[in-house]
Amino acid sequence: MESFSFKYPASKSVLQRAHTGVVGSGDLEILLEPTTSAESEFVVRTASDGFKEIWEKVFKRFVALNDVQAKITLNDFGATPGVVSLRLAQVLELANKKN
């Protein structure tokens, strides 16, 4: 099990908290919490050791398109980079959805 975090400058706010996915065989859970700080913070807890550089590349791409002011917690059980990108897009859509 490995845990790490990354922070990037951000300027766009999100409307509300959001959750997507489940932790299970080969999947990923993401929790997004809006913040007032000018950064995106990603906190990763993963069962797959040794992939920190790949996580960082996925986050850099996401932040380049969506520099949201949020704390994003990812609980991973072996998700691929494609699944991570999909789940990030899903949680952001939910966080910006007007009820």
N, C-alpha and C. Protein backbone atom coordinates (compact mmCIF):
# COMPACT_ATOMS: atom_id res chain seq x y z
N MET A 1 0.85 -1.18 0.00
CA MET A 1 0.00 0.00 0.00
C MET A 1 0.89 1.23 0.00
N GLU A 2 0.53 2.21 -0.80
CA GLU A 2 1.32 3.43 -0.92
C GLU A 2 0.39 4.64 -0.81
N SER A 3 0.87 5.71 -0.18
CA SER A 3 0.12 6.96 -0.07
C SER A 3 1.03 8.11 -0.43
N PHE A 4 0.50 9.08 -1.17
CA PHE A 4 1.24 10.29 -1.53
C PHE A 4 0.27 11.37 -1.96
N SER A 5 0.77 12.58 -2.12
CA SER A 5 -0.09 13.69 -2.55
C SER A 5 0.66 14.63 -3.48
N PHE A 6 -0.11 15.38 -4.24
CA PHE A 6 0.42 16.38 -5.17
C PHE A 6 -0.43 17.64 -5.03
N LYS A 7 0.19 18.81 -5.25
CA LYS A 7 -0.53 20.08 -5.24
C LYS A 7 -0.15 20.87 -6.47
N TYR A 8 -1.16 21.53 -7.07
CA TYR A 8 -0.95 22.35 -8.26
C TYR A 8 -1.73 23.65 -8.09
N PRO A 9 -1.25 24.75 -8.65
CA PRO A 9 -2.00 26.00 -8.60
C PRO A 9 -3.35 25.84 -9.30
N ALA A 10 -4.37 26.53 -8.77
CA ALA A 10 -5.71 26.44 -9.36
C ALA A 10 -6.47 27.75 -9.15
N SER A 11 -7.44 27.99 -10.02
CA SER A 11 -8.19 29.25 -9.92
C SER A 11 -9.70 29.11 -10.07
N LYS A 12 -10.19 27.94 -10.43
CA LYS A 12 -11.63 27.77 -10.67
C LYS A 12 -12.29 27.05 -9.49
N SER A 13 -13.40 27.62 -9.04
CA SER A 13 -14.12 27.00 -7.93
C SER A 13 -15.08 25.93 -8.46
N VAL A 14 -15.49 25.04 -7.57
CA VAL A 14 -16.51 24.04 -7.88
C VAL A 14 -17.69 24.27 -6.94
N LEU A 15 -18.87 23.81 -7.34
CA LEU A 15 -20.09 24.12 -6.59
C LEU A 15 -20.26 23.33 -5.30
N GLN A 16 -19.90 22.04 -5.32
CA GLN A 16 -20.23 21.19 -4.18
C GLN A 16 -19.33 19.97 -4.10
N ARG A 17 -19.46 19.25 -3.00
CA ARG A 17 -18.75 17.98 -2.84
C ARG A 17 -19.30 16.97 -3.84
N ALA A 18 -18.46 15.98 -4.17
CA ALA A 18 -18.92 14.93 -5.07
C ALA A 18 -18.15 13.64 -4.80
N HIS A 19 -18.75 12.53 -5.21
CA HIS A 19 -18.18 11.20 -5.01
C HIS A 19 -18.51 10.36 -6.24
N THR A 20 -17.54 9.58 -6.70
CA THR A 20 -17.80 8.64 -7.78
C THR A 20 -16.94 7.40 -7.61
N GLY A 21 -17.40 6.30 -8.15
CA GLY A 21 -16.64 5.05 -8.12
C GLY A 21 -16.72 4.33 -6.78
N VAL A 22 -16.15 3.14 -6.78
CA VAL A 22 -16.07 2.31 -5.58
C VAL A 22 -14.69 1.69 -5.52
N VAL A 23 -14.23 1.43 -4.32
CA VAL A 23 -12.96 0.72 -4.17
C VAL A 23 -13.30 -0.76 -4.25
N GLY A 24 -12.75 -1.43 -5.19
CA GLY A 24 -13.00 -2.85 -5.38
C GLY A 24 -12.02 -3.37 -6.42
N SER A 25 -12.21 -4.54 -6.83
CA SER A 25 -11.30 -5.18 -7.77
C SER A 25 -11.08 -4.33 -9.02
N GLY A 26 -9.90 -3.74 -9.12
CA GLY A 26 -9.52 -2.97 -10.31
C GLY A 26 -10.24 -1.66 -10.47
N ASP A 27 -10.75 -1.07 -9.40
CA ASP A 27 -11.50 0.17 -9.56
C ASP A 27 -10.98 1.25 -8.62
N LEU A 28 -11.69 2.35 -8.60
CA LEU A 28 -11.21 3.57 -7.98
C LEU A 28 -12.37 4.37 -7.44
N GLU A 29 -12.20 4.92 -6.25
CA GLU A 29 -13.16 5.83 -5.65
C GLU A 29 -12.52 7.20 -5.59
N ILE A 30 -13.30 8.23 -5.95
CA ILE A 30 -12.79 9.60 -5.86
C ILE A 30 -13.78 10.45 -5.07
N LEU A 31 -13.24 11.20 -4.11
CA LEU A 31 -14.00 12.16 -3.32
C LEU A 31 -13.46 13.54 -3.62
N LEU A 32 -14.33 14.47 -3.99
CA LEU A 32 -13.91 15.84 -4.29
C LEU A 32 -14.55 16.78 -3.29
N GLU A 33 -13.73 17.63 -2.67
CA GLU A 33 -14.21 18.63 -1.72
C GLU A 33 -13.75 20.00 -2.18
N PRO A 34 -14.67 20.95 -2.38
CA PRO A 34 -14.27 22.30 -2.75
C PRO A 34 -13.42 22.94 -1.63
N THR A 35 -12.48 23.78 -2.02
CA THR A 35 -11.68 24.52 -1.05
C THR A 35 -11.63 25.98 -1.47
N THR A 36 -11.13 26.81 -0.58
CA THR A 36 -10.95 28.22 -0.93
C THR A 36 -9.49 28.53 -1.23
N SER A 37 -8.63 27.55 -1.07
CA SER A 37 -7.21 27.76 -1.38
C SER A 37 -7.02 27.74 -2.89
N ALA A 38 -6.01 28.40 -3.36
CA ALA A 38 -5.75 28.52 -4.80
C ALA A 38 -4.92 27.34 -5.29
N GLU A 39 -5.44 26.12 -5.03
CA GLU A 39 -4.71 24.94 -5.47
C GLU A 39 -5.64 23.74 -5.63
N SER A 40 -5.17 22.81 -6.44
CA SER A 40 -5.77 21.47 -6.53
C SER A 40 -4.85 20.56 -5.74
N GLU A 41 -5.42 19.85 -4.78
CA GLU A 41 -4.63 18.89 -4.01
C GLU A 41 -5.18 17.49 -4.29
N PHE A 42 -4.28 16.60 -4.67
CA PHE A 42 -4.64 15.21 -4.93
C PHE A 42 -3.99 14.34 -3.85
N VAL A 43 -4.80 13.57 -3.15
CA VAL A 43 -4.31 12.65 -2.12
C VAL A 43 -4.63 11.24 -2.60
N VAL A 44 -3.58 10.43 -2.76
CA VAL A 44 -3.74 9.10 -3.33
C VAL A 44 -3.41 8.04 -2.29
N ARG A 45 -4.29 7.06 -2.18
CA ARG A 45 -4.04 5.84 -1.41
C ARG A 45 -4.24 4.69 -2.39
N THR A 46 -3.17 3.95 -2.68
CA THR A 46 -3.25 2.91 -3.70
C THR A 46 -2.66 1.59 -3.23
N ALA A 47 -3.25 0.52 -3.73
CA ALA A 47 -2.75 -0.82 -3.43
C ALA A 47 -1.60 -1.20 -4.36
N SER A 48 -1.37 -0.40 -5.40
CA SER A 48 -0.32 -0.68 -6.40
C SER A 48 0.88 0.23 -6.16
N ASP A 49 1.96 -0.31 -5.67
CA ASP A 49 3.16 0.46 -5.40
C ASP A 49 3.96 0.73 -6.68
N GLY A 50 4.70 1.86 -6.69
CA GLY A 50 5.66 2.13 -7.74
C GLY A 50 5.14 2.87 -8.95
N PHE A 51 3.95 3.47 -8.87
CA PHE A 51 3.37 4.15 -10.03
C PHE A 51 3.19 5.65 -9.81
N LYS A 52 3.93 6.23 -8.88
CA LYS A 52 3.76 7.64 -8.53
C LYS A 52 3.95 8.57 -9.74
N GLU A 53 4.92 8.30 -10.58
CA GLU A 53 5.17 9.14 -11.76
C GLU A 53 3.99 9.12 -12.73
N ILE A 54 3.36 7.98 -12.87
CA ILE A 54 2.20 7.88 -13.76
C ILE A 54 1.02 8.66 -13.19
N TRP A 55 0.80 8.53 -11.89
CA TRP A 55 -0.25 9.33 -11.24
C TRP A 55 -0.02 10.81 -11.50
N GLU A 56 1.22 11.25 -11.32
CA GLU A 56 1.54 12.67 -11.50
C GLU A 56 1.23 13.13 -12.92
N LYS A 57 1.54 12.33 -13.92
CA LYS A 57 1.24 12.70 -15.31
C LYS A 57 -0.26 12.83 -15.55
N VAL A 58 -1.04 11.91 -14.99
CA VAL A 58 -2.50 11.98 -15.12
C VAL A 58 -3.02 13.26 -14.48
N PHE A 59 -2.53 13.59 -13.29
CA PHE A 59 -2.99 14.80 -12.60
C PHE A 59 -2.58 16.07 -13.33
N LYS A 60 -1.36 16.11 -13.86
CA LYS A 60 -0.91 17.29 -14.61
C LYS A 60 -1.80 17.53 -15.82
N ARG A 61 -2.17 16.47 -16.51
CA ARG A 61 -3.07 16.61 -17.66
C ARG A 61 -4.44 17.11 -17.22
N PHE A 62 -4.97 16.55 -16.13
CA PHE A 62 -6.27 16.96 -15.62
C PHE A 62 -6.26 18.44 -15.23
N VAL A 63 -5.24 18.85 -14.50
CA VAL A 63 -5.15 20.23 -14.02
C VAL A 63 -4.96 21.21 -15.19
N ALA A 64 -4.26 20.80 -16.23
CA ALA A 64 -4.09 21.66 -17.40
C ALA A 64 -5.44 22.01 -18.03
N LEU A 65 -6.39 21.10 -17.91
CA LEU A 65 -7.72 21.33 -18.47
C LEU A 65 -8.72 21.85 -17.45
N ASN A 66 -8.52 21.52 -16.17
CA ASN A 66 -9.49 21.81 -15.11
C ASN A 66 -8.76 22.23 -13.84
N ASP A 67 -8.33 23.44 -13.77
CA ASP A 67 -7.57 23.88 -12.58
C ASP A 67 -8.54 24.25 -11.46
N VAL A 68 -9.14 23.24 -10.85
CA VAL A 68 -10.18 23.45 -9.84
C VAL A 68 -9.59 23.56 -8.44
N GLN A 69 -10.19 24.43 -7.67
CA GLN A 69 -9.80 24.61 -6.27
C GLN A 69 -10.52 23.53 -5.46
N ALA A 70 -9.80 22.44 -5.22
CA ALA A 70 -10.43 21.30 -4.54
C ALA A 70 -9.39 20.38 -3.94
N LYS A 71 -9.84 19.66 -2.93
CA LYS A 71 -9.05 18.53 -2.42
C LYS A 71 -9.70 17.29 -3.01
N ILE A 72 -8.91 16.51 -3.73
CA ILE A 72 -9.41 15.33 -4.42
C ILE A 72 -8.71 14.11 -3.83
N THR A 73 -9.49 13.26 -3.17
CA THR A 73 -8.95 12.07 -2.54
C THR A 73 -9.28 10.86 -3.41
N LEU A 74 -8.25 10.09 -3.73
CA LEU A 74 -8.40 8.92 -4.59
C LEU A 74 -8.03 7.67 -3.80
N ASN A 75 -8.97 6.73 -3.71
CA ASN A 75 -8.74 5.44 -3.07
C ASN A 75 -8.73 4.40 -4.19
N ASP A 76 -7.55 3.85 -4.46
CA ASP A 76 -7.34 3.03 -5.64
C ASP A 76 -7.10 1.56 -5.30
N PHE A 77 -7.61 0.71 -6.18
CA PHE A 77 -7.35 -0.71 -6.07
C PHE A 77 -6.96 -1.25 -7.44
N GLY A 78 -5.97 -0.60 -8.06
CA GLY A 78 -5.41 -1.09 -9.31
C GLY A 78 -6.03 -0.51 -10.57
N ALA A 79 -6.63 0.67 -10.51
CA ALA A 79 -7.22 1.28 -11.70
C ALA A 79 -6.14 1.69 -12.70
N THR A 80 -6.46 1.61 -13.98
CA THR A 80 -5.55 2.03 -15.03
C THR A 80 -5.61 3.55 -15.17
N PRO A 81 -4.61 4.18 -15.82
CA PRO A 81 -4.66 5.64 -16.04
C PRO A 81 -5.93 6.09 -16.76
N GLY A 82 -6.41 5.28 -17.68
CA GLY A 82 -7.65 5.62 -18.38
C GLY A 82 -8.84 5.69 -17.45
N VAL A 83 -8.93 4.76 -16.52
CA VAL A 83 -10.02 4.75 -15.54
C VAL A 83 -9.88 5.95 -14.61
N VAL A 84 -8.66 6.27 -14.22
CA VAL A 84 -8.44 7.44 -13.34
C VAL A 84 -8.92 8.71 -14.04
N SER A 85 -8.56 8.89 -15.30
CA SER A 85 -8.99 10.07 -16.06
C SER A 85 -10.52 10.12 -16.18
N LEU A 86 -11.14 8.98 -16.45
CA LEU A 86 -12.60 8.92 -16.56
C LEU A 86 -13.26 9.29 -15.24
N ARG A 87 -12.78 8.71 -14.15
CA ARG A 87 -13.36 9.01 -12.83
C ARG A 87 -13.16 10.48 -12.44
N LEU A 88 -12.00 11.06 -12.77
CA LEU A 88 -11.79 12.49 -12.49
C LEU A 88 -12.80 13.34 -13.25
N ALA A 89 -13.03 13.02 -14.51
CA ALA A 89 -14.02 13.76 -15.31
C ALA A 89 -15.42 13.60 -14.70
N GLN A 90 -15.75 12.39 -14.27
CA GLN A 90 -17.06 12.14 -13.67
C GLN A 90 -17.26 12.92 -12.39
N VAL A 91 -16.27 12.89 -11.50
CA VAL A 91 -16.43 13.57 -10.22
C VAL A 91 -16.51 15.08 -10.41
N LEU A 92 -15.78 15.62 -11.37
CA LEU A 92 -15.85 17.05 -11.64
C LEU A 92 -17.22 17.44 -12.19
N GLU A 93 -17.76 16.62 -13.07
CA GLU A 93 -19.10 16.88 -13.61
C GLU A 93 -20.14 16.89 -12.49
N LEU A 94 -20.05 15.92 -11.58
CA LEU A 94 -20.98 15.87 -10.45
C LEU A 94 -20.81 17.08 -9.53
N ALA A 95 -19.57 17.50 -9.30
CA ALA A 95 -19.31 18.63 -8.41
C ALA A 95 -19.83 19.94 -8.97
N ASN A 96 -19.95 20.04 -10.27
CA ASN A 96 -20.42 21.28 -10.89
C ASN A 96 -21.88 21.21 -11.33
N LYS A 97 -22.55 20.11 -11.01
CA LYS A 97 -23.95 19.95 -11.40
C LYS A 97 -24.84 20.75 -10.47
N LYS A 98 -25.69 21.55 -11.08
CA LYS A 98 -26.64 22.34 -10.29
C LYS A 98 -27.84 21.47 -9.96
N ASN A 99 -28.19 21.44 -8.68
CA ASN A 99 -29.32 20.60 -8.23
C ASN A 99 -30.64 21.25 -8.50
